[in-house]
Protein backbone atom coordinates (compact mmCIF):
# COMPACT_ATOMS: atom_id res chain seq x y z
CA MET A 1 69.70 102.70 19.51
CA ASP A 2 67.85 99.39 19.39
CA SER A 3 64.27 98.97 18.84
CA LEU A 4 61.70 98.24 21.55
CA SER A 5 58.34 96.51 21.73
CA ILE A 6 56.25 96.65 24.90
CA VAL A 7 53.53 93.97 25.19
CA ILE A 8 50.60 94.56 27.43
CA PRO A 9 48.17 91.54 27.98
CA ALA A 10 44.70 92.94 28.76
CA TYR A 11 41.49 91.41 29.98
CA ASN A 12 38.69 93.70 30.98
CA GLU A 13 41.07 96.66 31.54
CA GLU A 14 38.95 99.46 30.01
CA THR A 15 39.17 101.50 33.18
CA ARG A 16 42.85 101.28 33.96
CA LEU A 17 44.31 101.01 30.46
CA PRO A 18 44.24 104.59 29.34
CA ALA A 19 46.30 105.81 32.19
CA SER A 20 48.80 102.95 31.81
CA LEU A 21 49.09 103.70 28.09
CA ASP A 22 49.82 107.36 28.90
CA ALA A 23 52.73 106.23 31.12
CA VAL A 24 54.12 103.80 28.70
CA THR A 25 53.77 106.08 25.78
CA GLN A 26 55.63 108.84 27.70
CA TYR A 27 58.34 106.32 28.58
CA VAL A 28 58.76 105.26 24.96
CA ARG A 29 58.82 108.79 23.64
CA GLN A 30 61.54 109.83 26.10
CA GLY A 31 63.86 107.08 24.82
CA CYS A 32 66.07 107.26 21.80
CA TRP A 33 64.69 104.19 20.14
CA ARG A 34 65.22 103.57 16.43
CA PHE A 35 61.70 102.18 16.55
CA ALA A 36 59.24 101.65 19.40
CA GLU A 37 55.77 100.13 19.55
CA ILE A 38 53.27 99.34 22.32
CA VAL A 39 51.24 96.20 21.62
CA VAL A 40 47.99 95.68 23.56
CA VAL A 41 46.77 92.15 23.44
CA ASP A 42 43.05 91.92 24.21
CA ASP A 43 42.24 88.53 25.70
CA GLY A 44 38.59 88.39 24.77
CA SER A 45 37.55 91.18 27.06
CA THR A 46 33.85 91.58 27.74
CA ASP A 47 34.11 95.31 28.46
CA GLY A 48 35.41 98.16 26.22
CA THR A 49 39.13 97.23 26.41
CA ALA A 50 39.47 96.87 22.61
CA ARG A 51 37.53 100.01 21.89
CA ALA A 52 39.59 102.01 24.42
CA THR A 53 42.73 100.75 22.87
CA GLU A 54 41.65 101.65 19.26
CA ARG A 55 40.56 105.16 20.39
CA TYR A 56 43.96 105.64 22.00
CA ALA A 57 45.87 104.31 18.94
CA ALA A 58 44.02 106.72 16.71
CA THR A 59 46.08 109.60 18.24
CA HIS A 60 49.17 107.64 19.40
CA PRO A 61 50.83 105.85 16.41
CA GLU A 62 53.07 103.77 18.68
CA VAL A 63 50.13 101.72 19.89
CA ARG A 64 48.44 98.86 18.14
CA LEU A 65 45.88 96.23 19.12
CA LEU A 66 46.05 92.47 18.84
CA ARG A 67 42.94 90.31 19.57
CA ASN A 68 42.93 86.84 20.92
CA PRO A 69 40.32 84.39 19.54
CA GLY A 70 38.28 84.69 22.78
CA ASN A 71 39.44 84.51 26.43
CA ARG A 72 42.43 82.22 26.23
CA GLY A 73 44.50 83.23 29.25
CA LYS A 74 47.34 85.50 30.14
CA GLY A 75 50.00 83.10 28.90
CA TYR A 76 48.35 82.84 25.49
CA ALA A 77 48.06 86.63 25.29
CA VAL A 78 51.69 87.20 26.21
CA ARG A 79 52.80 84.57 23.67
CA HIS A 80 50.61 86.08 20.97
CA GLY A 81 52.19 89.52 21.69
CA MET A 82 55.75 88.36 21.98
CA LEU A 83 55.73 86.43 18.77
CA ASP A 84 54.10 89.29 16.88
CA ALA A 85 56.42 92.06 18.32
CA ARG A 86 58.91 93.65 16.00
CA GLY A 87 61.39 95.19 18.44
CA ASP A 88 65.01 94.06 19.06
CA TRP A 89 63.98 93.94 22.67
CA ILE A 90 60.56 92.91 23.85
CA LEU A 91 59.19 93.79 27.36
CA PHE A 92 55.90 92.49 28.63
CA THR A 93 54.29 94.22 31.48
CA ASP A 94 51.00 93.89 33.32
CA ALA A 95 48.23 96.36 32.37
CA ASP A 96 48.05 97.81 35.89
CA LEU A 97 51.78 98.73 35.78
CA SER A 98 52.32 97.13 39.28
CA ALA A 99 55.99 97.51 38.38
CA PRO A 100 56.38 101.14 37.14
CA ILE A 101 57.44 101.28 33.52
CA GLU A 102 60.46 103.32 34.48
CA GLU A 103 61.91 100.21 36.21
CA ALA A 104 62.59 98.85 32.77
CA CYS A 105 65.80 100.85 32.88
CA LYS A 106 66.98 98.32 35.56
CA LEU A 107 66.30 95.46 33.23
CA PHE A 108 68.14 97.01 30.36
CA GLN A 109 71.13 97.75 32.60
CA ALA A 110 71.14 94.11 33.83
CA VAL A 111 71.21 92.58 30.30
CA ARG A 112 73.93 94.98 29.22
CA GLU A 113 76.16 94.41 32.28
CA ARG A 114 75.49 90.59 32.43
CA HIS A 115 75.48 89.96 28.67
CA ALA A 116 72.10 88.29 29.16
CA GLN A 117 69.33 87.60 26.77
CA LEU A 118 66.58 88.23 29.29
CA ALA A 119 65.99 90.02 32.61
CA PHE A 120 62.94 89.94 34.80
CA GLY A 121 61.58 91.96 37.67
CA SER A 122 61.52 90.41 41.15
CA ARG A 123 59.57 91.24 44.34
CA GLY A 124 61.59 88.62 46.29
CA LEU A 125 65.13 89.87 46.12
CA ASP A 126 64.47 93.22 47.97
CA ARG A 127 61.08 93.31 49.62
CA SER A 128 61.76 96.94 50.93
CA LEU A 129 60.96 98.01 47.30
CA ILE A 130 57.39 96.81 47.57
CA GLU A 131 55.37 99.97 48.05
CA VAL A 132 51.91 98.44 48.44
CA HIS A 133 51.79 94.83 49.67
CA GLN A 134 49.30 92.08 48.90
CA SER A 135 47.35 90.58 51.64
CA TRP A 136 49.23 88.29 54.10
CA PHE A 137 47.38 85.31 52.63
CA ARG A 138 48.39 86.06 49.03
CA GLU A 139 52.01 86.78 50.00
CA THR A 140 52.21 83.52 51.98
CA ALA A 141 50.66 81.65 49.06
CA GLY A 142 53.25 83.24 46.81
CA ARG A 143 56.16 82.10 48.95
CA LEU A 144 54.75 78.62 49.13
CA PHE A 145 54.44 78.51 45.31
CA ASN A 146 58.01 79.74 44.91
CA LEU A 147 59.14 76.78 47.08
CA PHE A 148 57.45 74.34 44.72
CA VAL A 149 58.96 76.21 41.79
CA ARG A 150 62.41 75.50 43.24
CA LEU A 151 61.64 71.87 44.11
CA LEU A 152 59.76 70.78 40.97
CA ALA A 153 61.10 73.12 38.24
CA GLY A 154 64.62 73.55 39.59
CA LEU A 155 64.60 77.34 39.14
CA PRO A 156 66.70 79.17 41.71
CA TYR A 157 64.83 82.46 41.57
CA ALA A 158 63.14 84.39 44.34
CA ASP A 159 60.18 85.45 42.26
CA THR A 160 59.02 83.96 38.91
CA GLN A 161 55.63 85.54 38.81
CA CYS A 162 56.26 89.34 38.57
CA GLY A 163 54.64 90.38 35.25
CA PHE A 164 57.61 92.41 34.08
CA LYS A 165 60.02 90.61 31.76
CA LEU A 166 62.36 91.79 29.05
CA PHE A 167 63.62 89.43 26.25
CA GLN A 168 66.11 89.80 23.37
CA ARG A 169 64.00 89.16 20.26
CA GLN A 170 65.75 85.98 19.06
CA ALA A 171 65.50 84.56 22.58
CA ALA A 172 61.86 85.45 22.72
CA ARG A 173 61.24 83.67 19.42
CA GLU A 174 62.91 80.53 20.51
CA ILE A 175 61.26 80.54 24.00
CA PHE A 176 57.66 81.54 23.26
CA ARG A 177 57.40 79.22 20.27
CA ARG A 178 57.94 76.36 22.71
CA GLN A 179 55.58 77.72 25.37
CA ARG A 180 52.70 75.45 25.95
CA LEU A 181 50.84 76.83 29.04
CA ASP A 182 48.09 79.38 28.45
CA ARG A 183 47.32 80.60 31.87
CA PHE A 184 49.25 81.91 34.91
CA GLY A 185 51.79 79.09 35.12
CA PHE A 186 53.41 80.30 31.86
CA ASP A 187 55.86 82.57 33.79
CA VAL A 188 57.60 79.49 35.25
CA GLU A 189 57.52 77.69 31.88
CA VAL A 190 59.22 80.49 29.88
CA LEU A 191 62.00 80.73 32.52
CA TYR A 192 62.39 76.95 32.55
CA VAL A 193 62.53 76.88 28.74
CA ALA A 194 65.09 79.66 28.73
CA LYS A 195 67.27 77.79 31.09
CA ARG A 196 66.75 74.59 28.98
CA LEU A 197 67.90 76.34 25.84
CA GLY A 198 70.95 77.93 27.58
CA PHE A 199 69.91 81.52 27.61
CA ARG A 200 71.31 83.82 30.38
CA ALA A 201 68.59 85.23 32.55
CA VAL A 202 68.97 87.86 35.27
CA GLU A 203 66.64 88.40 38.24
CA VAL A 204 66.37 92.10 39.03
CA PRO A 205 64.73 93.68 42.16
CA VAL A 206 62.28 96.34 41.09
CA ARG A 207 59.70 98.64 42.83
CA TRP A 208 56.26 97.13 42.87
CA ARG A 209 52.91 98.01 44.28
CA HIS A 210 49.82 95.82 44.56
CA SER A 211 46.88 96.92 42.52
CA GLU A 212 43.37 95.95 43.30
CA GLY A 213 41.41 94.01 40.55
CA THR A 214 43.99 91.32 40.11
CA LYS A 215 42.66 88.54 37.91
CA VAL A 216 44.50 85.77 39.98
CA ARG A 217 42.20 83.82 42.24
CA VAL A 218 44.27 82.20 44.96
CA TRP A 219 42.47 78.81 45.42
CA ARG A 220 41.49 78.01 41.81
CA ASP A 221 44.42 79.49 40.01
CA GLY A 222 46.78 78.46 42.75
CA LEU A 223 45.95 74.77 42.20
CA SER A 224 46.12 75.20 38.48
CA MET A 225 49.61 76.85 38.76
CA PHE A 226 50.78 73.93 40.95
CA LEU A 227 49.57 71.44 38.35
CA ASP A 228 51.32 73.52 35.71
CA LEU A 229 54.61 72.77 37.41
CA LEU A 230 54.01 69.12 36.83
CA ARG A 231 52.93 69.79 33.20
CA ILE A 232 56.24 71.56 32.68
CA ARG A 233 58.15 68.62 33.75
CA TRP A 234 55.99 66.26 31.76
CA ASN A 235 56.36 68.44 28.66
CA ASP A 236 60.14 68.45 29.09
CA LEU A 237 60.18 64.70 29.47
CA ARG A 238 58.24 64.40 26.14
CA GLY A 239 60.77 66.61 24.35
CA ARG A 240 58.47 69.59 23.81
CA TYR A 241 61.10 72.16 24.78
CA ARG A 242 63.93 70.86 22.65
């Protein structure tokens, strides 16, 4: 069977990370992978995230730690992990496992059946799969942002922001080396670049539950993400995604 890398961007996740690593390690060990690794990318955490990862890796050889040069943002952390990963398929997932790691089976099924180079989890295609909702305000803001994604980036997806995306390695290399955004707008950018390069992407409904402690701040990060949509179009006009 193919090899797998699972990339987990982590910023101040000392408390939640060990349980998440238990779940991901169990998932990896139950598969028949030729090779599998779990890459935790510490984004300049100020707590014990790096130490917790190193302690875990000491008894779990699948796990390794990458460090960012300070707090650079989730987009930077994901790019760092994706370009360093060694698997034939590379999945990135949020450290809180809002989408349970077992849902990765749906992504693998989708890429096989659709002959796609990437598949990504979606909360928007089947909202009955959402087990714990965000606040009304956050969900409304998310729907508004998705409208702007459709209008400004031309992406026809119901949800670009779910932190659960699977890439074939060569596609990942081509997409993430062109990525320019370092913060939360990067999800839109990588899907935009994938479309620009002609890769087939499949949106897949997955189970999802909101976890407290999200790093996304609606007002500040929401404005930044909106501006990122304009940056994506500007970068494309300047030829940065060719």
